[in-house]
Amino acid sequence: MDLRDRLFLRFAASPGFKTLAYALCLAGGLLLFQGPGAFLVLAPLLADMYGARLIRGLYDGFREDLLDLLEDEARRECGLAPGEPAFPVLEYGGCLNHWLVKSLPDHVLLTLMAPRQDFLVVARKEGRIFPPLSYLPLAYEIRDAGTLDVYYRDITHVEVNGEAVALHTSGGAVIEYEDHSGEAGLAVRELRERLREHKARG
């Protein structure tokens, strides 16, 4: 990503700066060129539209890069060695603060389910997809949303209901996560197998 693209991205992601640019271009155009100078206000509009085009084109790259970082952090939180199985469940939310790309979510919550011999480790990490904290080097806003150990002896059953994964416990509590990735089925199948093995040993 070159300097020009970074500048357009920063411009498109800065509502306050855009408002100032519109006001300055309009006032400057009217003062310097009288009536026709009002068309100078098209300059920030075109810059904003180009920035939105860049956001749309680079969005998937930002998202995948962030997901890799979130999963790496969650795996470390779970104490997993390379190659040990774990299942990420993704929940997207919010929307980008730009009038041309509002359909794109601006943050993602990753819930990593790591089945161990007698319990399930659930680590949650949340990150902002766009705008990143910095472009060079590329860095993201990441927040730890907590880690939970759920022992198999306390789980009565597991279900997937639409986009929700629910762990039902013997105390009547339900631990529920939303899934927008389509991977929840795999996580639940693995967890059910671990539960059967645990109950068979008991």
N, C-alpha and C. Protein backbone atom coordinates (compact mmCIF):
# COMPACT_ATOMS: atom_id res chain seq x y z
N MET A 1 0.84 -1.18 0.00
CA MET A 1 0.00 0.00 0.00
C MET A 1 0.89 1.25 0.00
N ASP A 2 0.77 2.08 -1.03
CA ASP A 2 1.65 3.24 -1.13
C ASP A 2 1.11 4.41 -0.30
N LEU A 3 1.93 5.48 -0.23
CA LEU A 3 1.58 6.63 0.59
C LEU A 3 0.28 7.28 0.12
N ARG A 4 0.09 7.37 -1.20
CA ARG A 4 -1.12 8.00 -1.73
C ARG A 4 -2.38 7.28 -1.24
N ASP A 5 -2.36 5.94 -1.33
CA ASP A 5 -3.53 5.16 -0.89
C ASP A 5 -3.76 5.32 0.60
N ARG A 6 -2.69 5.36 1.39
CA ARG A 6 -2.85 5.53 2.83
C ARG A 6 -3.50 6.88 3.15
N LEU A 7 -3.11 7.92 2.40
CA LEU A 7 -3.70 9.24 2.63
C LEU A 7 -5.19 9.25 2.29
N PHE A 8 -5.56 8.60 1.17
CA PHE A 8 -6.98 8.55 0.80
C PHE A 8 -7.79 7.73 1.81
N LEU A 9 -7.20 6.65 2.32
CA LEU A 9 -7.88 5.84 3.33
C LEU A 9 -8.09 6.63 4.62
N ARG A 10 -7.07 7.34 5.04
CA ARG A 10 -7.19 8.16 6.25
C ARG A 10 -8.25 9.24 6.06
N PHE A 11 -8.28 9.84 4.88
CA PHE A 11 -9.26 10.88 4.61
C PHE A 11 -10.68 10.32 4.67
N ALA A 12 -10.89 9.18 4.02
CA ALA A 12 -12.22 8.58 3.98
C ALA A 12 -12.69 8.13 5.36
N ALA A 13 -11.76 7.80 6.24
CA ALA A 13 -12.11 7.28 7.57
C ALA A 13 -12.13 8.38 8.64
N SER A 14 -12.02 9.65 8.23
CA SER A 14 -11.95 10.76 9.20
C SER A 14 -13.09 11.75 8.96
N PRO A 15 -14.26 11.54 9.58
CA PRO A 15 -15.41 12.43 9.36
C PRO A 15 -15.11 13.90 9.68
N GLY A 16 -14.41 14.14 10.77
CA GLY A 16 -14.11 15.51 11.15
C GLY A 16 -13.23 16.21 10.12
N PHE A 17 -12.22 15.52 9.64
CA PHE A 17 -11.31 16.09 8.65
C PHE A 17 -12.05 16.32 7.33
N LYS A 18 -12.96 15.42 6.98
CA LYS A 18 -13.73 15.59 5.74
C LYS A 18 -14.64 16.82 5.83
N THR A 19 -15.28 17.00 6.97
CA THR A 19 -16.14 18.18 7.14
C THR A 19 -15.34 19.47 6.99
N LEU A 20 -14.16 19.50 7.59
CA LEU A 20 -13.29 20.67 7.48
C LEU A 20 -12.87 20.90 6.03
N ALA A 21 -12.54 19.80 5.32
CA ALA A 21 -12.11 19.92 3.93
C ALA A 21 -13.23 20.47 3.05
N TYR A 22 -14.46 19.99 3.28
CA TYR A 22 -15.60 20.51 2.51
C TYR A 22 -15.79 22.00 2.76
N ALA A 23 -15.73 22.39 4.04
CA ALA A 23 -15.94 23.79 4.39
C ALA A 23 -14.86 24.69 3.80
N LEU A 24 -13.61 24.26 3.90
CA LEU A 24 -12.50 25.06 3.38
C LEU A 24 -12.55 25.18 1.86
N CYS A 25 -12.85 24.06 1.19
CA CYS A 25 -12.91 24.09 -0.28
C CYS A 25 -14.07 24.97 -0.77
N LEU A 26 -15.20 24.88 -0.08
CA LEU A 26 -16.34 25.70 -0.47
C LEU A 26 -16.05 27.19 -0.24
N ALA A 27 -15.54 27.51 0.96
CA ALA A 27 -15.25 28.91 1.28
C ALA A 27 -14.14 29.45 0.38
N GLY A 28 -13.07 28.64 0.21
CA GLY A 28 -11.96 29.09 -0.62
C GLY A 28 -12.36 29.28 -2.07
N GLY A 29 -13.18 28.36 -2.57
CA GLY A 29 -13.64 28.47 -3.96
C GLY A 29 -14.49 29.71 -4.18
N LEU A 30 -15.38 30.00 -3.23
CA LEU A 30 -16.25 31.18 -3.37
C LEU A 30 -15.46 32.48 -3.26
N LEU A 31 -14.47 32.48 -2.36
CA LEU A 31 -13.68 33.70 -2.18
C LEU A 31 -12.76 33.96 -3.37
N LEU A 32 -12.14 32.89 -3.88
CA LEU A 32 -11.14 33.07 -4.93
C LEU A 32 -11.76 33.15 -6.32
N PHE A 33 -12.79 32.36 -6.54
CA PHE A 33 -13.33 32.25 -7.91
C PHE A 33 -14.79 32.66 -8.00
N GLN A 34 -15.35 33.24 -6.93
CA GLN A 34 -16.74 33.67 -6.89
C GLN A 34 -17.68 32.47 -7.09
N GLY A 35 -18.77 32.64 -7.80
CA GLY A 35 -19.80 31.61 -7.94
C GLY A 35 -19.30 30.27 -8.44
N PRO A 36 -18.60 30.22 -9.59
CA PRO A 36 -18.14 28.92 -10.11
C PRO A 36 -17.17 28.21 -9.17
N GLY A 37 -16.56 28.98 -8.25
CA GLY A 37 -15.61 28.36 -7.33
C GLY A 37 -16.25 27.36 -6.39
N ALA A 38 -17.58 27.41 -6.28
CA ALA A 38 -18.26 26.44 -5.41
C ALA A 38 -18.01 25.01 -5.86
N PHE A 39 -17.69 24.84 -7.15
CA PHE A 39 -17.44 23.49 -7.65
C PHE A 39 -16.15 22.90 -7.08
N LEU A 40 -15.34 23.73 -6.41
CA LEU A 40 -14.13 23.21 -5.77
C LEU A 40 -14.48 22.20 -4.68
N VAL A 41 -15.73 22.27 -4.19
CA VAL A 41 -16.16 21.33 -3.16
C VAL A 41 -16.20 19.90 -3.70
N LEU A 42 -16.15 19.76 -5.03
CA LEU A 42 -16.13 18.41 -5.61
C LEU A 42 -14.82 17.69 -5.31
N ALA A 43 -13.76 18.44 -5.02
CA ALA A 43 -12.45 17.80 -4.77
C ALA A 43 -12.51 16.86 -3.56
N PRO A 44 -12.99 17.32 -2.37
CA PRO A 44 -13.08 16.37 -1.26
C PRO A 44 -14.11 15.26 -1.49
N LEU A 45 -15.17 15.57 -2.26
CA LEU A 45 -16.16 14.53 -2.56
C LEU A 45 -15.53 13.41 -3.37
N LEU A 46 -14.75 13.77 -4.39
CA LEU A 46 -14.09 12.77 -5.23
C LEU A 46 -13.04 12.00 -4.42
N ALA A 47 -12.33 12.71 -3.54
CA ALA A 47 -11.34 12.03 -2.68
C ALA A 47 -12.03 11.04 -1.76
N ASP A 48 -13.19 11.44 -1.23
CA ASP A 48 -13.96 10.57 -0.33
C ASP A 48 -14.45 9.32 -1.07
N MET A 49 -14.92 9.51 -2.29
CA MET A 49 -15.41 8.38 -3.09
C MET A 49 -14.27 7.43 -3.45
N TYR A 50 -13.12 7.99 -3.78
CA TYR A 50 -11.96 7.14 -4.10
C TYR A 50 -11.51 6.38 -2.85
N GLY A 51 -11.53 7.05 -1.70
CA GLY A 51 -11.17 6.38 -0.46
C GLY A 51 -12.11 5.22 -0.16
N ALA A 52 -13.42 5.42 -0.40
CA ALA A 52 -14.39 4.34 -0.18
C ALA A 52 -14.13 3.17 -1.12
N ARG A 53 -13.73 3.48 -2.35
CA ARG A 53 -13.40 2.41 -3.30
C ARG A 53 -12.20 1.61 -2.80
N LEU A 54 -11.20 2.30 -2.24
CA LEU A 54 -10.04 1.61 -1.68
C LEU A 54 -10.44 0.73 -0.49
N ILE A 55 -11.29 1.28 0.37
CA ILE A 55 -11.74 0.51 1.54
C ILE A 55 -12.40 -0.79 1.08
N ARG A 56 -13.31 -0.67 0.11
CA ARG A 56 -14.01 -1.87 -0.37
C ARG A 56 -13.04 -2.89 -0.97
N GLY A 57 -12.06 -2.41 -1.70
CA GLY A 57 -11.10 -3.32 -2.34
C GLY A 57 -10.14 -3.98 -1.35
N LEU A 58 -9.79 -3.28 -0.27
CA LEU A 58 -8.81 -3.79 0.69
C LEU A 58 -9.45 -4.45 1.91
N TYR A 59 -10.77 -4.34 2.03
CA TYR A 59 -11.47 -4.77 3.24
C TYR A 59 -11.22 -6.24 3.57
N ASP A 60 -11.35 -7.13 2.59
CA ASP A 60 -11.16 -8.56 2.87
C ASP A 60 -9.75 -8.86 3.35
N GLY A 61 -8.77 -8.14 2.81
CA GLY A 61 -7.39 -8.32 3.27
C GLY A 61 -7.22 -7.89 4.71
N PHE A 62 -7.81 -6.73 5.08
CA PHE A 62 -7.78 -6.29 6.47
C PHE A 62 -8.44 -7.33 7.38
N ARG A 63 -9.60 -7.82 6.96
CA ARG A 63 -10.37 -8.77 7.78
C ARG A 63 -9.59 -10.06 8.01
N GLU A 64 -9.03 -10.64 6.92
CA GLU A 64 -8.29 -11.89 7.05
C GLU A 64 -7.04 -11.71 7.91
N ASP A 65 -6.36 -10.59 7.74
CA ASP A 65 -5.17 -10.30 8.53
C ASP A 65 -5.52 -10.22 10.01
N LEU A 66 -6.61 -9.51 10.32
CA LEU A 66 -7.05 -9.39 11.70
C LEU A 66 -7.46 -10.74 12.28
N LEU A 67 -8.19 -11.54 11.51
CA LEU A 67 -8.63 -12.86 12.00
C LEU A 67 -7.44 -13.74 12.35
N ASP A 68 -6.39 -13.69 11.53
CA ASP A 68 -5.18 -14.47 11.84
C ASP A 68 -4.58 -14.05 13.17
N LEU A 69 -4.52 -12.73 13.40
CA LEU A 69 -3.97 -12.23 14.67
C LEU A 69 -4.84 -12.64 15.85
N LEU A 70 -6.17 -12.51 15.69
CA LEU A 70 -7.08 -12.88 16.78
C LEU A 70 -6.96 -14.36 17.12
N GLU A 71 -6.89 -15.20 16.08
CA GLU A 71 -6.80 -16.64 16.34
C GLU A 71 -5.47 -17.00 16.98
N ASP A 72 -4.38 -16.37 16.53
CA ASP A 72 -3.07 -16.63 17.15
C ASP A 72 -3.09 -16.27 18.63
N GLU A 73 -3.67 -15.11 18.96
CA GLU A 73 -3.74 -14.70 20.36
C GLU A 73 -4.63 -15.64 21.17
N ALA A 74 -5.75 -16.05 20.58
CA ALA A 74 -6.67 -16.95 21.28
C ALA A 74 -6.02 -18.32 21.51
N ARG A 75 -5.27 -18.80 20.53
CA ARG A 75 -4.59 -20.09 20.69
C ARG A 75 -3.56 -20.01 21.82
N ARG A 76 -2.84 -18.89 21.90
CA ARG A 76 -1.88 -18.73 23.00
C ARG A 76 -2.62 -18.70 24.34
N GLU A 77 -3.76 -18.03 24.37
CA GLU A 77 -4.56 -17.95 25.59
C GLU A 77 -5.02 -19.33 26.04
N CYS A 78 -5.31 -20.19 25.08
CA CYS A 78 -5.77 -21.55 25.39
C CYS A 78 -4.61 -22.50 25.70
N GLY A 79 -3.38 -22.05 25.50
CA GLY A 79 -2.22 -22.91 25.74
C GLY A 79 -2.08 -24.02 24.73
N LEU A 80 -2.47 -23.76 23.48
CA LEU A 80 -2.44 -24.79 22.44
C LEU A 80 -1.07 -24.84 21.76
N ALA A 81 -0.60 -26.05 21.52
CA ALA A 81 0.61 -26.24 20.73
C ALA A 81 0.25 -26.21 19.25
N PRO A 82 1.21 -25.92 18.37
CA PRO A 82 0.92 -25.93 16.93
C PRO A 82 0.33 -27.26 16.49
N GLY A 83 -0.75 -27.21 15.74
CA GLY A 83 -1.37 -28.43 15.24
C GLY A 83 -2.48 -28.98 16.12
N GLU A 84 -2.57 -28.52 17.38
CA GLU A 84 -3.66 -28.98 18.24
C GLU A 84 -4.98 -28.41 17.74
N PRO A 85 -6.06 -29.21 17.78
CA PRO A 85 -7.33 -28.75 17.20
C PRO A 85 -8.00 -27.64 18.00
N ALA A 86 -8.58 -26.70 17.29
CA ALA A 86 -9.39 -25.64 17.89
C ALA A 86 -10.33 -25.13 16.81
N PHE A 87 -11.45 -24.59 17.24
CA PHE A 87 -12.50 -24.22 16.29
C PHE A 87 -12.94 -22.78 16.51
N PRO A 88 -12.64 -21.90 15.54
CA PRO A 88 -13.06 -20.50 15.69
C PRO A 88 -14.50 -20.29 15.26
N VAL A 89 -15.22 -19.54 16.06
CA VAL A 89 -16.59 -19.12 15.75
C VAL A 89 -16.57 -17.59 15.66
N LEU A 90 -17.10 -17.04 14.58
CA LEU A 90 -16.99 -15.60 14.32
C LEU A 90 -18.33 -14.90 14.42
N GLU A 91 -18.32 -13.73 15.05
CA GLU A 91 -19.51 -12.90 15.13
C GLU A 91 -19.14 -11.48 14.69
N TYR A 92 -19.76 -11.01 13.62
CA TYR A 92 -19.48 -9.67 13.09
C TYR A 92 -20.51 -8.69 13.61
N GLY A 93 -20.09 -7.43 13.75
CA GLY A 93 -21.01 -6.42 14.24
C GLY A 93 -20.62 -5.02 13.79
N GLY A 94 -21.52 -4.08 14.03
CA GLY A 94 -21.27 -2.69 13.69
C GLY A 94 -21.30 -2.46 12.18
N CYS A 95 -20.92 -1.27 11.78
CA CYS A 95 -20.81 -0.94 10.36
C CYS A 95 -19.76 0.15 10.20
N LEU A 96 -19.12 0.16 9.05
CA LEU A 96 -18.09 1.16 8.80
C LEU A 96 -18.70 2.56 8.78
N ASN A 97 -17.97 3.50 9.33
CA ASN A 97 -18.45 4.87 9.44
C ASN A 97 -18.17 5.64 8.15
N HIS A 98 -18.81 5.17 7.07
CA HIS A 98 -18.67 5.83 5.77
C HIS A 98 -19.94 5.59 4.97
N TRP A 99 -20.47 6.64 4.39
CA TRP A 99 -21.77 6.57 3.72
C TRP A 99 -21.80 5.62 2.53
N LEU A 100 -20.65 5.28 1.94
CA LEU A 100 -20.64 4.39 0.78
C LEU A 100 -20.36 2.92 1.11
N VAL A 101 -19.90 2.64 2.32
CA VAL A 101 -19.56 1.25 2.67
C VAL A 101 -20.17 0.85 4.02
N LYS A 102 -21.34 1.38 4.34
CA LYS A 102 -21.98 1.09 5.62
C LYS A 102 -22.42 -0.37 5.74
N SER A 103 -22.49 -1.09 4.62
CA SER A 103 -22.92 -2.49 4.68
C SER A 103 -21.83 -3.40 5.24
N LEU A 104 -20.60 -2.90 5.36
CA LEU A 104 -19.49 -3.72 5.85
C LEU A 104 -19.37 -3.59 7.37
N PRO A 105 -19.30 -4.72 8.12
CA PRO A 105 -19.13 -4.62 9.57
C PRO A 105 -17.75 -4.07 9.93
N ASP A 106 -17.67 -3.35 11.04
CA ASP A 106 -16.39 -2.75 11.40
C ASP A 106 -15.63 -3.51 12.47
N HIS A 107 -16.28 -4.51 13.12
CA HIS A 107 -15.52 -5.29 14.10
C HIS A 107 -15.97 -6.75 14.08
N VAL A 108 -15.11 -7.61 14.65
CA VAL A 108 -15.41 -9.04 14.69
C VAL A 108 -15.02 -9.57 16.06
N LEU A 109 -15.84 -10.48 16.57
CA LEU A 109 -15.57 -11.17 17.82
C LEU A 109 -15.27 -12.63 17.49
N LEU A 110 -14.07 -13.07 17.80
CA LEU A 110 -13.66 -14.46 17.54
C LEU A 110 -13.74 -15.24 18.85
N THR A 111 -14.49 -16.34 18.81
CA THR A 111 -14.57 -17.25 19.95
C THR A 111 -13.90 -18.55 19.54
N LEU A 112 -12.79 -18.86 20.20
CA LEU A 112 -12.04 -20.08 19.86
C LEU A 112 -12.39 -21.16 20.87
N MET A 113 -12.92 -22.29 20.36
CA MET A 113 -13.26 -23.42 21.22
C MET A 113 -12.17 -24.47 21.08
N ALA A 114 -11.50 -24.76 22.18
CA ALA A 114 -10.39 -25.72 22.17
C ALA A 114 -10.72 -26.89 23.09
N PRO A 115 -11.16 -28.03 22.52
CA PRO A 115 -11.48 -29.19 23.35
C PRO A 115 -10.22 -29.83 23.92
N ARG A 116 -10.17 -30.01 25.24
CA ARG A 116 -9.09 -30.74 25.89
C ARG A 116 -9.64 -32.06 26.42
N GLN A 117 -8.84 -32.81 27.17
CA GLN A 117 -9.27 -34.14 27.57
C GLN A 117 -10.52 -34.11 28.46
N ASP A 118 -10.55 -33.22 29.44
CA ASP A 118 -11.66 -33.21 30.40
C ASP A 118 -12.47 -31.92 30.38
N PHE A 119 -12.06 -30.96 29.59
CA PHE A 119 -12.76 -29.67 29.60
C PHE A 119 -12.58 -28.96 28.26
N LEU A 120 -13.38 -27.94 28.10
CA LEU A 120 -13.34 -27.11 26.90
C LEU A 120 -12.84 -25.73 27.29
N VAL A 121 -11.83 -25.24 26.58
CA VAL A 121 -11.35 -23.88 26.80
C VAL A 121 -11.98 -22.98 25.74
N VAL A 122 -12.58 -21.89 26.19
CA VAL A 122 -13.21 -20.93 25.28
C VAL A 122 -12.51 -19.59 25.47
N ALA A 123 -11.79 -19.14 24.44
CA ALA A 123 -11.10 -17.85 24.48
C ALA A 123 -11.75 -16.90 23.48
N ARG A 124 -11.99 -15.66 23.91
CA ARG A 124 -12.67 -14.69 23.05
C ARG A 124 -11.78 -13.47 22.84
N LYS A 125 -11.66 -13.07 21.58
CA LYS A 125 -10.86 -11.90 21.21
C LYS A 125 -11.67 -11.05 20.24
N GLU A 126 -11.68 -9.74 20.47
CA GLU A 126 -12.42 -8.83 19.62
C GLU A 126 -11.47 -7.85 18.96
N GLY A 127 -11.71 -7.55 17.68
CA GLY A 127 -10.85 -6.62 16.97
C GLY A 127 -11.64 -5.74 16.02
N ARG A 128 -11.10 -4.55 15.76
CA ARG A 128 -11.71 -3.62 14.79
C ARG A 128 -11.08 -3.86 13.43
N ILE A 129 -11.93 -4.13 12.44
CA ILE A 129 -11.44 -4.44 11.09
C ILE A 129 -10.93 -3.18 10.40
N PHE A 130 -11.74 -2.12 10.45
CA PHE A 130 -11.35 -0.87 9.81
C PHE A 130 -11.99 0.29 10.57
N PRO A 131 -11.23 1.38 10.77
CA PRO A 131 -9.85 1.59 10.34
C PRO A 131 -8.86 0.91 11.28
N PRO A 132 -7.71 0.49 10.75
CA PRO A 132 -6.68 -0.08 11.63
C PRO A 132 -6.06 1.01 12.49
N LEU A 133 -5.33 0.60 13.53
CA LEU A 133 -4.65 1.57 14.37
C LEU A 133 -3.56 2.31 13.59
N SER A 134 -2.87 1.58 12.71
CA SER A 134 -1.86 2.19 11.86
C SER A 134 -1.75 1.39 10.57
N TYR A 135 -1.28 2.06 9.51
CA TYR A 135 -1.14 1.41 8.21
C TYR A 135 0.29 0.94 7.97
N LEU A 136 1.26 1.59 8.60
CA LEU A 136 2.66 1.25 8.37
C LEU A 136 3.42 1.38 9.68
N PRO A 137 3.65 0.26 10.39
CA PRO A 137 3.21 -1.10 10.05
C PRO A 137 1.71 -1.27 10.30
N LEU A 138 1.13 -2.26 9.66
CA LEU A 138 -0.30 -2.50 9.81
C LEU A 138 -0.57 -3.07 11.20
N ALA A 139 -1.41 -2.38 11.96
CA ALA A 139 -1.74 -2.81 13.33
C ALA A 139 -3.22 -2.56 13.57
N TYR A 140 -3.82 -3.39 14.44
CA TYR A 140 -5.26 -3.33 14.67
C TYR A 140 -5.56 -3.13 16.15
N GLU A 141 -6.74 -2.60 16.40
CA GLU A 141 -7.25 -2.50 17.77
C GLU A 141 -7.81 -3.86 18.17
N ILE A 142 -7.21 -4.47 19.19
CA ILE A 142 -7.60 -5.81 19.63
C ILE A 142 -7.89 -5.77 21.13
N ARG A 143 -8.96 -6.44 21.53
CA ARG A 143 -9.37 -6.46 22.93
C ARG A 143 -9.60 -7.89 23.39
N ASP A 144 -9.12 -8.21 24.58
CA ASP A 144 -9.36 -9.53 25.18
C ASP A 144 -10.77 -9.54 25.76
N ALA A 145 -11.61 -10.45 25.28
CA ALA A 145 -13.00 -10.52 25.75
C ALA A 145 -13.21 -11.66 26.74
N GLY A 146 -12.12 -12.24 27.27
CA GLY A 146 -12.24 -13.23 28.34
C GLY A 146 -11.99 -14.66 27.89
N THR A 147 -11.63 -15.49 28.87
CA THR A 147 -11.38 -16.92 28.64
C THR A 147 -12.16 -17.71 29.69
N LEU A 148 -12.71 -18.83 29.25
CA LEU A 148 -13.57 -19.64 30.11
C LEU A 148 -13.22 -21.12 29.96
N ASP A 149 -13.11 -21.83 31.10
CA ASP A 149 -12.96 -23.28 31.08
C ASP A 149 -14.31 -23.90 31.44
N VAL A 150 -14.80 -24.78 30.59
CA VAL A 150 -16.07 -25.47 30.85
C VAL A 150 -15.78 -26.97 30.92
N TYR A 151 -16.00 -27.56 32.08
CA TYR A 151 -15.70 -28.98 32.25
C TYR A 151 -16.82 -29.84 31.65
N TYR A 152 -16.40 -30.91 30.99
CA TYR A 152 -17.38 -31.78 30.31
C TYR A 152 -18.41 -32.33 31.29
N ARG A 153 -17.98 -32.56 32.53
CA ARG A 153 -18.93 -33.12 33.52
C ARG A 153 -20.09 -32.17 33.78
N ASP A 154 -19.89 -30.87 33.50
CA ASP A 154 -20.93 -29.87 33.75
C ASP A 154 -21.81 -29.61 32.54
N ILE A 155 -21.46 -30.19 31.38
CA ILE A 155 -22.24 -29.95 30.15
C ILE A 155 -23.22 -31.10 29.96
N THR A 156 -24.49 -30.78 29.83
CA THR A 156 -25.49 -31.82 29.58
C THR A 156 -25.64 -32.08 28.09
N HIS A 157 -25.70 -31.02 27.28
CA HIS A 157 -25.78 -31.20 25.84
C HIS A 157 -25.39 -29.90 25.13
N VAL A 158 -25.11 -30.05 23.83
CA VAL A 158 -24.67 -28.93 22.99
C VAL A 158 -25.60 -28.87 21.79
N GLU A 159 -25.93 -27.65 21.36
CA GLU A 159 -26.79 -27.54 20.18
C GLU A 159 -26.40 -26.34 19.33
N VAL A 160 -26.75 -26.44 18.05
CA VAL A 160 -26.64 -25.31 17.12
C VAL A 160 -28.05 -24.94 16.71
N ASN A 161 -28.41 -23.68 16.94
CA ASN A 161 -29.75 -23.22 16.61
C ASN A 161 -29.61 -21.98 15.73
N GLY A 162 -29.72 -22.18 14.41
CA GLY A 162 -29.49 -21.07 13.49
C GLY A 162 -28.04 -20.65 13.55
N GLU A 163 -27.80 -19.40 13.98
CA GLU A 163 -26.43 -18.89 14.09
C GLU A 163 -25.91 -18.94 15.52
N ALA A 164 -26.62 -19.62 16.42
CA ALA A 164 -26.23 -19.66 17.82
C ALA A 164 -25.71 -21.05 18.19
N VAL A 165 -24.59 -21.07 18.92
CA VAL A 165 -24.05 -22.29 19.52
C VAL A 165 -24.35 -22.21 21.01
N ALA A 166 -25.01 -23.22 21.56
CA ALA A 166 -25.41 -23.18 22.97
C ALA A 166 -24.87 -24.40 23.71
N LEU A 167 -24.19 -24.13 24.84
CA LEU A 167 -23.73 -25.19 25.74
C LEU A 167 -24.65 -25.18 26.95
N HIS A 168 -25.38 -26.27 27.16
CA HIS A 168 -26.29 -26.37 28.30
C HIS A 168 -25.58 -27.08 29.45
N THR A 169 -25.63 -26.50 30.63
CA THR A 169 -24.92 -27.06 31.78
C THR A 169 -25.89 -27.71 32.76
N SER A 170 -25.33 -28.52 33.65
CA SER A 170 -26.16 -29.25 34.60
C SER A 170 -26.84 -28.31 35.60
N GLY A 171 -26.29 -27.12 35.80
CA GLY A 171 -26.91 -26.16 36.71
C GLY A 171 -28.04 -25.38 36.06
N GLY A 172 -28.33 -25.65 34.78
CA GLY A 172 -29.40 -24.96 34.09
C GLY A 172 -28.96 -23.74 33.31
N ALA A 173 -27.68 -23.38 33.44
CA ALA A 173 -27.18 -22.22 32.70
C ALA A 173 -26.94 -22.60 31.24
N VAL A 174 -27.05 -21.60 30.37
CA VAL A 174 -26.79 -21.79 28.94
C VAL A 174 -25.70 -20.82 28.52
N ILE A 175 -24.60 -21.35 27.99
CA ILE A 175 -23.51 -20.52 27.48
C ILE A 175 -23.68 -20.47 25.97
N GLU A 176 -23.92 -19.27 25.44
CA GLU A 176 -24.33 -19.15 24.04
C GLU A 176 -23.40 -18.21 23.27
N TYR A 177 -23.09 -18.59 22.04
CA TYR A 177 -22.26 -17.78 21.15
C TYR A 177 -22.92 -17.71 19.79
N GLU A 178 -22.83 -16.55 19.16
CA GLU A 178 -23.30 -16.43 17.77
C GLU A 178 -22.19 -16.83 16.82
N ASP A 179 -22.58 -17.36 15.66
CA ASP A 179 -21.61 -17.78 14.65
C ASP A 179 -22.02 -17.25 13.29
N HIS A 180 -21.17 -16.43 12.68
CA HIS A 180 -21.42 -15.92 11.33
C HIS A 180 -20.46 -16.53 10.32
N SER A 181 -19.71 -17.54 10.73
CA SER A 181 -18.69 -18.12 9.85
C SER A 181 -19.12 -19.42 9.19
N GLY A 182 -20.16 -20.05 9.74
CA GLY A 182 -20.58 -21.35 9.21
C GLY A 182 -19.75 -22.51 9.72
N GLU A 183 -18.83 -22.25 10.68
CA GLU A 183 -17.95 -23.30 11.20
C GLU A 183 -18.47 -23.92 12.49
N ALA A 184 -19.59 -23.42 12.99
CA ALA A 184 -20.08 -23.91 14.29
C ALA A 184 -20.40 -25.40 14.26
N GLY A 185 -20.92 -25.89 13.14
CA GLY A 185 -21.27 -27.30 13.06
C GLY A 185 -20.09 -28.21 13.33
N LEU A 186 -18.92 -27.85 12.77
CA LEU A 186 -17.71 -28.64 12.98
C LEU A 186 -17.30 -28.62 14.45
N ALA A 187 -17.36 -27.45 15.07
CA ALA A 187 -17.01 -27.32 16.48
C ALA A 187 -17.93 -28.17 17.35
N VAL A 188 -19.21 -28.13 17.06
CA VAL A 188 -20.18 -28.87 17.87
C VAL A 188 -20.01 -30.37 17.68
N ARG A 189 -19.74 -30.83 16.46
CA ARG A 189 -19.51 -32.27 16.24
C ARG A 189 -18.31 -32.76 17.04
N GLU A 190 -17.23 -31.98 17.03
CA GLU A 190 -16.03 -32.36 17.79
C GLU A 190 -16.32 -32.35 19.28
N LEU A 191 -17.04 -31.35 19.76
CA LEU A 191 -17.35 -31.26 21.18
C LEU A 191 -18.25 -32.41 21.63
N ARG A 192 -19.23 -32.76 20.80
CA ARG A 192 -20.11 -33.88 21.15
C ARG A 192 -19.32 -35.18 21.25
N GLU A 193 -18.35 -35.36 20.36
CA GLU A 193 -17.52 -36.56 20.40
C GLU A 193 -16.72 -36.60 21.70
N ARG A 194 -16.15 -35.45 22.10
CA ARG A 194 -15.41 -35.38 23.35
C ARG A 194 -16.32 -35.66 24.55
N LEU A 195 -17.53 -35.16 24.50
CA LEU A 195 -18.49 -35.40 25.58
C LEU A 195 -18.82 -36.89 25.70
N ARG A 196 -19.04 -37.54 24.52
CA ARG A 196 -19.34 -38.98 24.55
C ARG A 196 -18.18 -39.77 25.15
N GLU A 197 -16.94 -39.40 24.74
CA GLU A 197 -15.77 -40.09 25.28
C GLU A 197 -15.66 -39.90 26.79
N HIS A 198 -15.92 -38.67 27.24
CA HIS A 198 -15.84 -38.39 28.67
C HIS A 198 -16.88 -39.16 29.45
N LYS A 199 -18.12 -39.19 28.95
CA LYS A 199 -19.18 -39.92 29.64
C LYS A 199 -18.92 -41.43 29.63
N ALA A 200 -18.30 -41.93 28.53
CA ALA A 200 -17.97 -43.35 28.47
C ALA A 200 -16.90 -43.73 29.50
N ARG A 201 -15.95 -42.82 29.71
CA ARG A 201 -14.90 -43.09 30.72
C ARG A 201 -15.47 -43.05 32.12
N GLY A 202 -16.52 -42.17 32.30
CA GLY A 202 -17.10 -42.02 33.64
C GLY A 202 -17.98 -43.20 33.99
